[in-house]
Amino acid sequence: MRTKADMLNELKVMLYDALLAKTRGVTYPRLARAHGYVDGYMKALLDSGIASNQELLDLVAEARTTVDGPAIAQTSPSSNAEVAA
């Protein structure tokens, strides 16, 4: 029997694969299939009570940050930017 840690680790690998596929520009059917696998695995973890909704949200947020960077980037105005009045 697989442990909870093993299953969450497997989900993390699947998430990284799906997010990297999107970044690399794979074809839509392939990307949709990857997302379907991730969605189904997450639903199974939720339905069986193995993982909570918050655990899965945290896992997805971590994977997205790793692949795509932070959700919000801070920028500074350029030296020639006009101030809106």
N, C-alpha and C. Protein backbone atom coordinates (compact mmCIF):
# COMPACT_ATOMS: atom_id res chain seq x y z
N MET A 1 0.84 -1.18 0.00
CA MET A 1 0.00 0.00 0.00
C MET A 1 0.89 1.25 0.00
N ARG A 2 0.50 2.23 -0.80
CA ARG A 2 1.28 3.46 -0.90
C ARG A 2 0.91 4.41 0.23
N THR A 3 1.89 5.16 0.68
CA THR A 3 1.64 6.11 1.75
C THR A 3 1.11 7.42 1.18
N LYS A 4 0.60 8.25 2.06
CA LYS A 4 0.08 9.56 1.66
C LYS A 4 1.20 10.37 1.02
N ALA A 5 2.38 10.32 1.60
CA ALA A 5 3.51 11.08 1.07
C ALA A 5 3.85 10.62 -0.35
N ASP A 6 3.79 9.31 -0.60
CA ASP A 6 4.05 8.78 -1.94
C ASP A 6 3.03 9.31 -2.95
N MET A 7 1.77 9.32 -2.54
CA MET A 7 0.71 9.77 -3.45
C MET A 7 0.82 11.28 -3.73
N LEU A 8 1.12 12.06 -2.71
CA LEU A 8 1.28 13.50 -2.93
C LEU A 8 2.51 13.79 -3.78
N ASN A 9 3.54 12.99 -3.60
CA ASN A 9 4.74 13.13 -4.43
C ASN A 9 4.44 12.81 -5.89
N GLU A 10 3.66 11.78 -6.11
CA GLU A 10 3.25 11.41 -7.48
C GLU A 10 2.43 12.54 -8.10
N LEU A 11 1.53 13.12 -7.32
CA LEU A 11 0.74 14.25 -7.81
C LEU A 11 1.63 15.43 -8.15
N LYS A 12 2.63 15.68 -7.34
CA LYS A 12 3.55 16.79 -7.59
C LYS A 12 4.28 16.59 -8.92
N VAL A 13 4.71 15.38 -9.20
CA VAL A 13 5.38 15.07 -10.47
C VAL A 13 4.42 15.30 -11.63
N MET A 14 3.18 14.84 -11.48
CA MET A 14 2.19 15.02 -12.54
C MET A 14 1.90 16.51 -12.77
N LEU A 15 1.82 17.29 -11.70
CA LEU A 15 1.59 18.73 -11.82
C LEU A 15 2.74 19.41 -12.55
N TYR A 16 3.97 19.09 -12.16
CA TYR A 16 5.13 19.69 -12.83
C TYR A 16 5.12 19.35 -14.31
N ASP A 17 4.81 18.10 -14.63
CA ASP A 17 4.77 17.69 -16.04
C ASP A 17 3.73 18.49 -16.82
N ALA A 18 2.54 18.66 -16.23
CA ALA A 18 1.47 19.40 -16.91
C ALA A 18 1.85 20.88 -17.08
N LEU A 19 2.40 21.48 -16.04
CA LEU A 19 2.77 22.89 -16.12
C LEU A 19 3.94 23.12 -17.08
N LEU A 20 4.90 22.22 -17.08
CA LEU A 20 6.02 22.34 -18.01
C LEU A 20 5.57 22.12 -19.45
N ALA A 21 4.61 21.22 -19.64
CA ALA A 21 4.08 20.99 -20.99
C ALA A 21 3.46 22.27 -21.53
N LYS A 22 2.73 22.97 -20.68
CA LYS A 22 2.12 24.24 -21.09
C LYS A 22 3.20 25.25 -21.46
N THR A 23 4.24 25.33 -20.65
CA THR A 23 5.33 26.27 -20.90
C THR A 23 6.06 25.94 -22.20
N ARG A 24 6.19 24.67 -22.49
CA ARG A 24 6.90 24.24 -23.70
C ARG A 24 6.04 24.31 -24.96
N GLY A 25 4.74 24.54 -24.78
CA GLY A 25 3.86 24.70 -25.93
C GLY A 25 3.47 23.41 -26.61
N VAL A 26 3.22 22.36 -25.85
CA VAL A 26 2.79 21.10 -26.46
C VAL A 26 1.39 21.27 -27.05
N THR A 27 0.99 20.33 -27.86
CA THR A 27 -0.31 20.41 -28.52
C THR A 27 -1.44 20.35 -27.48
N TYR A 28 -2.57 20.95 -27.85
CA TYR A 28 -3.69 21.03 -26.92
C TYR A 28 -4.18 19.66 -26.44
N PRO A 29 -4.37 18.68 -27.32
CA PRO A 29 -4.84 17.38 -26.83
C PRO A 29 -3.92 16.76 -25.77
N ARG A 30 -2.64 16.92 -25.96
CA ARG A 30 -1.69 16.37 -25.00
C ARG A 30 -1.76 17.11 -23.67
N LEU A 31 -1.89 18.44 -23.75
CA LEU A 31 -2.00 19.26 -22.54
C LEU A 31 -3.31 18.95 -21.81
N ALA A 32 -4.40 18.81 -22.54
CA ALA A 32 -5.69 18.49 -21.94
C ALA A 32 -5.65 17.13 -21.25
N ARG A 33 -4.98 16.18 -21.84
CA ARG A 33 -4.86 14.85 -21.24
C ARG A 33 -4.08 14.93 -19.93
N ALA A 34 -3.00 15.70 -19.92
CA ALA A 34 -2.19 15.85 -18.71
C ALA A 34 -3.02 16.50 -17.60
N HIS A 35 -3.78 17.53 -17.95
CA HIS A 35 -4.62 18.18 -16.95
C HIS A 35 -5.72 17.23 -16.45
N GLY A 36 -6.24 16.41 -17.34
CA GLY A 36 -7.25 15.43 -16.95
C GLY A 36 -6.71 14.42 -15.95
N TYR A 37 -5.48 13.96 -16.17
CA TYR A 37 -4.86 13.03 -15.22
C TYR A 37 -4.70 13.67 -13.85
N VAL A 38 -4.23 14.92 -13.85
CA VAL A 38 -4.02 15.63 -12.59
C VAL A 38 -5.36 15.84 -11.88
N ASP A 39 -6.36 16.28 -12.61
CA ASP A 39 -7.68 16.52 -12.02
C ASP A 39 -8.26 15.23 -11.42
N GLY A 40 -8.17 14.15 -12.16
CA GLY A 40 -8.68 12.88 -11.66
C GLY A 40 -7.96 12.38 -10.43
N TYR A 41 -6.65 12.54 -10.42
CA TYR A 41 -5.86 12.10 -9.27
C TYR A 41 -6.21 12.94 -8.04
N MET A 42 -6.37 14.25 -8.26
CA MET A 42 -6.72 15.12 -7.14
C MET A 42 -8.11 14.78 -6.61
N LYS A 43 -9.05 14.49 -7.49
CA LYS A 43 -10.41 14.12 -7.06
C LYS A 43 -10.38 12.82 -6.26
N ALA A 44 -9.58 11.87 -6.69
CA ALA A 44 -9.48 10.61 -5.96
C ALA A 44 -8.90 10.83 -4.57
N LEU A 45 -7.89 11.70 -4.47
CA LEU A 45 -7.30 11.99 -3.16
C LEU A 45 -8.31 12.68 -2.25
N LEU A 46 -9.11 13.59 -2.80
CA LEU A 46 -10.13 14.27 -2.00
C LEU A 46 -11.25 13.31 -1.59
N ASP A 47 -11.76 12.55 -2.55
CA ASP A 47 -12.88 11.65 -2.28
C ASP A 47 -12.53 10.57 -1.27
N SER A 48 -11.30 10.12 -1.28
CA SER A 48 -10.88 9.07 -0.36
C SER A 48 -10.50 9.63 1.01
N GLY A 49 -10.40 10.95 1.11
CA GLY A 49 -10.03 11.56 2.39
C GLY A 49 -8.54 11.54 2.67
N ILE A 50 -7.76 11.18 1.69
CA ILE A 50 -6.31 11.11 1.87
C ILE A 50 -5.71 12.50 1.99
N ALA A 51 -6.23 13.44 1.22
CA ALA A 51 -5.71 14.81 1.24
C ALA A 51 -6.87 15.79 1.38
N SER A 52 -6.57 16.91 2.02
CA SER A 52 -7.59 17.96 2.17
C SER A 52 -7.50 18.93 0.99
N ASN A 53 -8.53 19.71 0.84
CA ASN A 53 -8.57 20.71 -0.21
C ASN A 53 -7.40 21.69 -0.05
N GLN A 54 -7.12 22.11 1.18
CA GLN A 54 -6.04 23.06 1.42
C GLN A 54 -4.68 22.46 1.09
N GLU A 55 -4.47 21.20 1.40
CA GLU A 55 -3.21 20.54 1.05
C GLU A 55 -2.98 20.55 -0.46
N LEU A 56 -4.04 20.26 -1.21
CA LEU A 56 -3.92 20.24 -2.66
C LEU A 56 -3.71 21.64 -3.22
N LEU A 57 -4.40 22.63 -2.68
CA LEU A 57 -4.20 24.01 -3.12
C LEU A 57 -2.77 24.46 -2.87
N ASP A 58 -2.23 24.11 -1.71
CA ASP A 58 -0.85 24.47 -1.40
C ASP A 58 0.14 23.80 -2.35
N LEU A 59 -0.14 22.54 -2.68
CA LEU A 59 0.72 21.80 -3.59
C LEU A 59 0.71 22.42 -4.99
N VAL A 60 -0.48 22.79 -5.47
CA VAL A 60 -0.61 23.42 -6.78
C VAL A 60 0.08 24.78 -6.80
N ALA A 61 -0.11 25.57 -5.74
CA ALA A 61 0.52 26.89 -5.66
C ALA A 61 2.04 26.77 -5.67
N GLU A 62 2.56 25.79 -4.96
CA GLU A 62 4.01 25.58 -4.93
C GLU A 62 4.54 25.18 -6.31
N ALA A 63 3.82 24.29 -6.99
CA ALA A 63 4.25 23.85 -8.31
C ALA A 63 4.20 25.00 -9.31
N ARG A 64 3.13 25.79 -9.27
CA ARG A 64 3.03 26.94 -10.18
C ARG A 64 4.13 27.95 -9.94
N THR A 65 4.44 28.21 -8.68
CA THR A 65 5.50 29.16 -8.35
C THR A 65 6.84 28.64 -8.84
N THR A 66 7.07 27.36 -8.70
CA THR A 66 8.34 26.78 -9.14
C THR A 66 8.49 26.87 -10.66
N VAL A 67 7.42 26.58 -11.39
CA VAL A 67 7.49 26.54 -12.84
C VAL A 67 7.38 27.94 -13.46
N ASP A 68 6.40 28.72 -12.99
CA ASP A 68 6.10 30.01 -13.63
C ASP A 68 6.59 31.23 -12.87
N GLY A 69 7.13 31.03 -11.68
CA GLY A 69 7.54 32.17 -10.86
C GLY A 69 6.39 32.63 -9.99
N PRO A 70 6.63 33.67 -9.19
CA PRO A 70 5.58 34.13 -8.28
C PRO A 70 4.37 34.66 -9.04
N ALA A 71 3.22 34.59 -8.39
CA ALA A 71 1.97 35.02 -9.03
C ALA A 71 1.95 36.52 -9.27
N ILE A 72 2.57 37.27 -8.39
CA ILE A 72 2.60 38.73 -8.52
C ILE A 72 4.04 39.19 -8.50
N ALA A 73 4.39 39.96 -9.51
CA ALA A 73 5.75 40.50 -9.58
C ALA A 73 5.68 42.00 -9.29
N GLN A 74 6.62 42.48 -8.51
CA GLN A 74 6.68 43.91 -8.23
C GLN A 74 7.53 44.58 -9.29
N THR A 75 7.02 45.69 -9.78
CA THR A 75 7.77 46.44 -10.78
C THR A 75 7.95 47.86 -10.28
N SER A 76 8.94 48.50 -10.80
CA SER A 76 9.15 49.91 -10.45
C SER A 76 8.98 50.73 -11.71
N PRO A 77 8.49 51.96 -11.57
CA PRO A 77 8.28 52.79 -12.76
C PRO A 77 9.61 53.13 -13.42
N SER A 78 9.57 53.22 -14.74
CA SER A 78 10.79 53.59 -15.45
C SER A 78 11.06 55.07 -15.25
N SER A 79 12.24 55.50 -15.53
CA SER A 79 12.64 56.89 -15.27
C SER A 79 11.90 57.87 -16.17
N ASN A 80 11.41 57.42 -17.31
CA ASN A 80 10.71 58.32 -18.22
C ASN A 80 9.19 58.15 -18.18
N ALA A 81 8.69 57.51 -17.16
CA ALA A 81 7.26 57.28 -17.03
C ALA A 81 6.55 58.57 -16.63
N GLU A 82 5.39 58.79 -17.21
CA GLU A 82 4.60 59.96 -16.87
C GLU A 82 3.68 59.61 -15.69
N VAL A 83 3.42 60.59 -14.86
CA VAL A 83 2.52 60.38 -13.73
C VAL A 83 1.12 60.78 -14.17
N ALA A 84 0.16 59.87 -13.95
CA ALA A 84 -1.22 60.16 -14.32
C ALA A 84 -1.81 61.14 -13.30
N ALA A 85 -2.50 62.12 -13.79
CA ALA A 85 -3.06 63.11 -12.87
C ALA A 85 -4.54 62.91 -12.70
